[in-house]
Amino acid sequence: MTRNLFEPQGPAEAGNAPPPFGRRIAWFAGLALLSLVIVAATAYLLRALLFIG
């Protein structure tokens, strides 16, 4: 039928090296910071809605 959106990946083969450690850490830090910003913005928005009503 349809392909799964997420398919499991096996370990990297000998010819395919994983991305550099610095790039992986940068992605992790970027996603963590973005998550923090989204949660903070949502909290301030909800707080503002409480004070308006």
PDB file of N, CA and C in Angstrom:
ATOM      1  N   MET A   1       0.828  -1.183   0.000  1.00  0.00           N
ATOM      2  CA  MET A   1       0.000   0.000   0.000  1.00  0.00           C
ATOM      3  C   MET A   1       0.882   1.260   0.000  1.00  0.00           C
ATOM      4  N   THR A   2       0.963   1.933   1.119  1.00  0.00           N
ATOM      5  CA  THR A   2       1.783   3.152   1.171  1.00  0.00           C
ATOM      6  C   THR A   2       3.059   2.868   1.941  1.00  0.00           C
ATOM      7  N   ARG A   3       4.081   3.608   1.592  1.00  0.00           N
ATOM      8  CA  ARG A   3       5.343   3.484   2.314  1.00  0.00           C
ATOM      9  C   ARG A   3       5.235   4.188   3.647  1.00  0.00           C
ATOM     10  N   ASN A   4       5.894   3.638   4.634  1.00  0.00           N
ATOM     11  CA  ASN A   4       5.926   4.295   5.932  1.00  0.00           C
ATOM     12  C   ASN A   4       6.711   5.595   5.834  1.00  0.00           C
ATOM     13  N   LEU A   5       6.277   6.586   6.587  1.00  0.00           N
ATOM     14  CA  LEU A   5       6.981   7.862   6.589  1.00  0.00           C
ATOM     15  C   LEU A   5       8.352   7.714   7.227  1.00  0.00           C
ATOM     16  N   PHE A   6       8.406   6.943   8.305  1.00  0.00           N
ATOM     17  CA  PHE A   6       9.670   6.723   9.004  1.00  0.00           C
ATOM     18  C   PHE A   6      10.064   5.272   8.841  1.00  0.00           C
ATOM     19  N   GLU A   7      11.203   5.065   8.233  1.00  0.00           N
ATOM     20  CA  GLU A   7      11.702   3.714   8.060  1.00  0.00           C
ATOM     21  C   GLU A   7      12.980   3.566   8.868  1.00  0.00           C
ATOM     22  N   PRO A   8      13.166   2.424   9.529  1.00  0.00           N
ATOM     23  CA  PRO A   8      14.378   2.244  10.329  1.00  0.00           C
ATOM     24  C   PRO A   8      15.616   2.219   9.439  1.00  0.00           C
ATOM     25  N   GLN A   9      16.714   2.713   9.971  1.00  0.00           N
ATOM     26  CA  GLN A   9      17.976   2.709   9.255  1.00  0.00           C
ATOM     27  C   GLN A   9      18.955   1.836  10.002  1.00  0.00           C
ATOM     28  N   GLY A  10      19.689   1.065   9.271  1.00  0.00           N
ATOM     29  CA  GLY A  10      20.711   0.224   9.875  1.00  0.00           C
ATOM     30  C   GLY A  10      21.967   1.034  10.151  1.00  0.00           C
ATOM     31  N   PRO A  11      22.979   0.390  10.688  1.00  0.00           N
ATOM     32  CA  PRO A  11      24.233   1.094  10.955  1.00  0.00           C
ATOM     33  C   PRO A  11      24.903   1.528   9.657  1.00  0.00           C
ATOM     34  N   ALA A  12      25.729   2.548   9.762  1.00  0.00           N
ATOM     35  CA  ALA A  12      26.425   3.055   8.577  1.00  0.00           C
ATOM     36  C   ALA A  12      27.350   1.986   8.009  1.00  0.00           C
ATOM     37  N   GLU A  13      27.372   1.901   6.703  1.00  0.00           N
ATOM     38  CA  GLU A  13      28.255   0.940   6.051  1.00  0.00           C
ATOM     39  C   GLU A  13      29.674   1.492   6.047  1.00  0.00           C
ATOM     40  N   ALA A  14      30.610   0.656   5.635  1.00  0.00           N
ATOM     41  CA  ALA A  14      32.019   1.045   5.672  1.00  0.00           C
ATOM     42  C   ALA A  14      32.279   2.270   4.793  1.00  0.00           C
ATOM     43  N   GLY A  15      31.593   2.399   3.665  1.00  0.00           N
ATOM     44  CA  GLY A  15      31.836   3.525   2.763  1.00  0.00           C
ATOM     45  C   GLY A  15      31.111   4.798   3.165  1.00  0.00           C
ATOM     46  N   ASN A  16      30.079   4.694   4.007  1.00  0.00           N
ATOM     47  CA  ASN A  16      29.292   5.861   4.414  1.00  0.00           C
ATOM     48  C   ASN A  16      29.653   6.249   5.842  1.00  0.00           C
ATOM     49  N   ALA A  17      30.388   7.326   5.970  1.00  0.00           N
ATOM     50  CA  ALA A  17      30.767   7.796   7.303  1.00  0.00           C
ATOM     51  C   ALA A  17      29.645   8.660   7.868  1.00  0.00           C
ATOM     52  N   PRO A  18      29.414   8.616   9.189  1.00  0.00           N
ATOM     53  CA  PRO A  18      28.403   9.497   9.786  1.00  0.00           C
ATOM     54  C   PRO A  18      28.854  10.951   9.695  1.00  0.00           C
ATOM     55  N   PRO A  19      27.928  11.890   9.818  1.00  0.00           N
ATOM     56  CA  PRO A  19      28.314  13.304   9.751  1.00  0.00           C
ATOM     57  C   PRO A  19      29.302  13.647  10.869  1.00  0.00           C
ATOM     58  N   PRO A  20      30.080  14.703  10.684  1.00  0.00           N
ATOM     59  CA  PRO A  20      31.046  15.094  11.716  1.00  0.00           C
ATOM     60  C   PRO A  20      30.346  15.410  13.043  1.00  0.00           C
ATOM     61  N   PHE A  21      31.076  15.197  14.127  1.00  0.00           N
ATOM     62  CA  PHE A  21      30.527  15.400  15.467  1.00  0.00           C
ATOM     63  C   PHE A  21      30.060  16.836  15.664  1.00  0.00           C
ATOM     64  N   GLY A  22      30.813  17.792  15.167  1.00  0.00           N
ATOM     65  CA  GLY A  22      30.445  19.200  15.317  1.00  0.00           C
ATOM     66  C   GLY A  22      29.116  19.519  14.656  1.00  0.00           C
ATOM     67  N   ARG A  23      28.870  18.949  13.508  1.00  0.00           N
ATOM     68  CA  ARG A  23      27.608  19.186  12.808  1.00  0.00           C
ATOM     69  C   ARG A  23      26.437  18.568  13.565  1.00  0.00           C
ATOM     70  N   ARG A  24      26.658  17.376  14.118  1.00  0.00           N
ATOM     71  CA  ARG A  24      25.585  16.735  14.890  1.00  0.00           C
ATOM     72  C   ARG A  24      25.264  17.533  16.153  1.00  0.00           C
ATOM     73  N   ILE A  25      26.296  18.039  16.823  1.00  0.00           N
ATOM     74  CA  ILE A  25      26.077  18.851  18.022  1.00  0.00           C
ATOM     75  C   ILE A  25      25.388  20.160  17.662  1.00  0.00           C
ATOM     76  N   ALA A  26      25.754  20.750  16.523  1.00  0.00           N
ATOM     77  CA  ALA A  26      25.114  22.000  16.089  1.00  0.00           C
ATOM     78  C   ALA A  26      23.630  21.774  15.822  1.00  0.00           C
ATOM     79  N   TRP A  27      23.280  20.667  15.186  1.00  0.00           N
ATOM     80  CA  TRP A  27      21.868  20.356  14.951  1.00  0.00           C
ATOM     81  C   TRP A  27      21.133  20.178  16.271  1.00  0.00           C
ATOM     82  N   PHE A  28      21.746  19.450  17.198  1.00  0.00           N
ATOM     83  CA  PHE A  28      21.121  19.223  18.498  1.00  0.00           C
ATOM     84  C   PHE A  28      20.907  20.550  19.236  1.00  0.00           C
ATOM     85  N   ALA A  29      21.931  21.389  19.262  1.00  0.00           N
ATOM     86  CA  ALA A  29      21.827  22.678  19.951  1.00  0.00           C
ATOM     87  C   ALA A  29      20.786  23.569  19.276  1.00  0.00           C
ATOM     88  N   GLY A  30      20.758  23.567  17.947  1.00  0.00           N
ATOM     89  CA  GLY A  30      19.775  24.370  17.228  1.00  0.00           C
ATOM     90  C   GLY A  30      18.347  23.928  17.505  1.00  0.00           C
ATOM     91  N   LEU A  31      18.118  22.632  17.502  1.00  0.00           N
ATOM     92  CA  LEU A  31      16.776  22.120  17.796  1.00  0.00           C
ATOM     93  C   LEU A  31      16.376  22.396  19.246  1.00  0.00           C
ATOM     94  N   ALA A  32      17.330  22.276  20.170  1.00  0.00           N
ATOM     95  CA  ALA A  32      17.032  22.551  21.573  1.00  0.00           C
ATOM     96  C   ALA A  32      16.694  24.027  21.764  1.00  0.00           C
ATOM     97  N   LEU A  33      17.449  24.910  21.129  1.00  0.00           N
ATOM     98  CA  LEU A  33      17.186  26.347  21.241  1.00  0.00           C
ATOM     99  C   LEU A  33      15.848  26.713  20.609  1.00  0.00           C
ATOM    100  N   LEU A  34      15.555  26.150  19.457  1.00  0.00           N
ATOM    101  CA  LEU A  34      14.280  26.407  18.796  1.00  0.00           C
ATOM    102  C   LEU A  34      13.110  25.921  19.660  1.00  0.00           C
ATOM    103  N   SER A  35      13.258  24.772  20.276  1.00  0.00           N
ATOM    104  CA  SER A  35      12.218  24.259  21.165  1.00  0.00           C
ATOM    105  C   SER A  35      12.011  25.190  22.347  1.00  0.00           C
ATOM    106  N   LEU A  36      13.091  25.684  22.909  1.00  0.00           N
ATOM    107  CA  LEU A  36      13.002  26.616  24.031  1.00  0.00           C
ATOM    108  C   LEU A  36      12.266  27.883  23.634  1.00  0.00           C
ATOM    109  N   VAL A  37      12.571  28.423  22.466  1.00  0.00           N
ATOM    110  CA  VAL A  37      11.915  29.640  21.988  1.00  0.00           C
ATOM    111  C   VAL A  37      10.420  29.404  21.766  1.00  0.00           C
ATOM    112  N   ILE A  38      10.069  28.271  21.181  1.00  0.00           N
ATOM    113  CA  ILE A  38       8.654  27.977  20.922  1.00  0.00           C
ATOM    114  C   ILE A  38       7.877  27.814  22.226  1.00  0.00           C
ATOM    115  N   VAL A  39       8.453  27.114  23.201  1.00  0.00           N
ATOM    116  CA  VAL A  39       7.773  26.932  24.482  1.00  0.00           C
ATOM    117  C   VAL A  39       7.624  28.270  25.200  1.00  0.00           C
ATOM    118  N   ALA A  40       8.661  29.096  25.189  1.00  0.00           N
ATOM    119  CA  ALA A  40       8.590  30.403  25.850  1.00  0.00           C
ATOM    120  C   ALA A  40       7.553  31.301  25.177  1.00  0.00           C
ATOM    121  N   ALA A  41       7.518  31.305  23.857  1.00  0.00           N
ATOM    122  CA  ALA A  41       6.540  32.131  23.146  1.00  0.00           C
ATOM    123  C   ALA A  41       5.121  31.667  23.444  1.00  0.00           C
ATOM    124  N   THR A  42       4.913  30.361  23.502  1.00  0.00           N
ATOM    125  CA  THR A  42       3.593  29.837  23.824  1.00  0.00           C
ATOM    126  C   THR A  42       3.189  30.213  25.246  1.00  0.00           C
ATOM    127  N   ALA A  43       4.122  30.137  26.178  1.00  0.00           N
ATOM    128  CA  ALA A  43       3.825  30.487  27.570  1.00  0.00           C
ATOM    129  C   ALA A  43       3.452  31.966  27.687  1.00  0.00           C
ATOM    130  N   TYR A  44       4.217  32.845  27.034  1.00  0.00           N
ATOM    131  CA  TYR A  44       3.902  34.275  27.102  1.00  0.00           C
ATOM    132  C   TYR A  44       2.575  34.588  26.412  1.00  0.00           C
ATOM    133  N   LEU A  45       2.278  33.895  25.326  1.00  0.00           N
ATOM    134  CA  LEU A  45       1.005  34.102  24.639  1.00  0.00           C
ATOM    135  C   LEU A  45      -0.160  33.686  25.537  1.00  0.00           C
ATOM    136  N   LEU A  46      -0.048  32.532  26.176  1.00  0.00           N
ATOM    137  CA  LEU A  46      -1.109  32.089  27.076  1.00  0.00           C
ATOM    138  C   LEU A  46      -1.252  33.019  28.273  1.00  0.00           C
ATOM    139  N   ARG A  47      -0.135  33.506  28.784  1.00  0.00           N
ATOM    140  CA  ARG A  47      -0.185  34.440  29.902  1.00  0.00           C
ATOM    141  C   ARG A  47      -0.857  35.741  29.488  1.00  0.00           C
ATOM    142  N   ALA A  48      -0.535  36.211  28.290  1.00  0.00           N
ATOM    143  CA  ALA A  48      -1.147  37.446  27.790  1.00  0.00           C
ATOM    144  C   ALA A  48      -2.657  37.256  27.595  1.00  0.00           C
ATOM    145  N   LEU A  49      -3.060  36.100  27.125  1.00  0.00           N
ATOM    146  CA  LEU A  49      -4.499  35.848  26.939  1.00  0.00           C
ATOM    147  C   LEU A  49      -5.239  35.817  28.274  1.00  0.00           C
ATOM    148  N   LEU A  50      -4.580  35.333  29.317  1.00  0.00           N
ATOM    149  CA  LEU A  50      -5.213  35.311  30.628  1.00  0.00           C
ATOM    150  C   LEU A  50      -5.427  36.731  31.170  1.00  0.00           C
ATOM    151  N   PHE A  51      -4.465  37.620  30.922  1.00  0.00           N
ATOM    152  CA  PHE A  51      -4.582  38.991  31.433  1.00  0.00           C
ATOM    153  C   PHE A  51      -5.542  39.828  30.609  1.00  0.00           C
ATOM    154  N   ILE A  52      -5.764  39.458  29.333  1.00  0.00           N
ATOM    155  CA  ILE A  52      -6.708  40.199  28.501  1.00  0.00           C
ATOM    156  C   ILE A  52      -8.134  39.879  28.950  1.00  0.00           C
ATOM    157  N   GLY A  53      -8.419  38.614  29.232  1.00  0.00           N
ATOM    158  CA  GLY A  53      -9.763  38.168  29.543  1.00  0.00           C
ATOM    159  C   GLY A  53     -10.186  38.460  30.899  1.00  0.00           C
TER     160      GLY A  53
END
